[in-house]
Amino acid sequence: MRVIAAALLACLPLPALAAPTYGPRLEGFDYGYPVKIFALESQRQPLEMAYLVPKRRAIGVVVLLHGKNFCAATWQQTIAPLLNAGYRVIAPDQVGFCKSSKPERYQYSFAQLAANTHALLQQLQLGDVPVHLVGHSMGGMLAVRYALMFPQDLRSLSLVNPIGLEDWKALGVPWRSVDTWYAGEMNISYDSIRRYQLDVYYDGKWKPAYEPWARMQSGMYEGPGKQVVAWSQALASDMVFNQPVVYELKNLQVPTTLFIGQKDRTAIGRDLASPAVKATLGNYPVLGKSAAATIPGATLLEFAELGHSPQVQDPKQFNNALLKALKSR
């Protein structure tokens, strides 16, 4: 009888595992590398920027800037190859994101985030070691702003499926208030994150490798700091929507490489756009070529089968391309 009972129990479905939840500063999520804190004063308040900075004797410094729906940890599979190639790697979480401070009152701008990042790099006293700046998604917008503000500090600029290559508002996407952004953020869940990424980032093909990063994002919304996270993300969305970088690409003076996954369809605010406008947005095969033609001396690398996050979808292919680009600068 015991054998039969055991057999019956083995046939029963296992209970679903509880989804992970994290604190408002992503407490409980392991980045895989030691996390340090940079304390700064900004807009009349003390703030903290978390950052990863694995140390080795370096032939150069690579600074990795995350996107809006990402964190420093998302660069996990890129950091090790960079270290092995002899680079020092610095991967910050921007103010308002992930393990960094999320102030309730803050005027978010790419210039402010660039200034914060510049202050971090100055505090680390990099000396004369050349700095290669790599920005993904929203981090690409930030990287462009940083390169415009501090071109003398950079050896190269790498933009990985950057957003802001088109002006969504000028193209007909309706403006929305921060309160409206916040209401939308309060409705975010793992299921909505997965649906969005599946459709926009990964061309309808989901892999287990994407799961930790979707859970990382959703865990903050499902944890005790949901309102804090949602408000910070609403302020960031307002910044992204209203501060496109497309008009200033022609002013870049730093040697630039564009890494563009051709399956990407990311466009902020497309959910409110008319069907006719929506159909034209986030056309990265066109946006990448246009940006490359606008940025003086830019190099365009296209990944035919990849989408918004080449470093997540195919780390080997992306890392090989990035290392080759860095060595050429």
Foldseek 3Di string as FASTA:
>chain_A
DVVVVVVVVVPDDDDDDDQAAAALQRPPDDLVADKDWDWDADPNDIWIKIKGWDDDQALAEEEEEEALLFALSVCVLQVVVCVVVGYTYMYIGFDLDHNIHQDLDDQDALLVSLVVVVVVVVVVCPDPGAYEYEAAACRLVSQQSNLLVCVVRHQAYEYALYPLLDQLVVLAQDDDDLVVQLVVLLPDALVVLVVVCCVAFQPNDDDPLCVVSSSSSRSHCVYPNNSSSSSSSSSVLNNRNPDRCNVCLLVRDHAYEYEAEQRGFDDRRLVRGDPVSSVPGRRRVVSQVVSQVRHPNYHYDYDDNGGRCCCRPPVVVVSVVVVVVVVVD
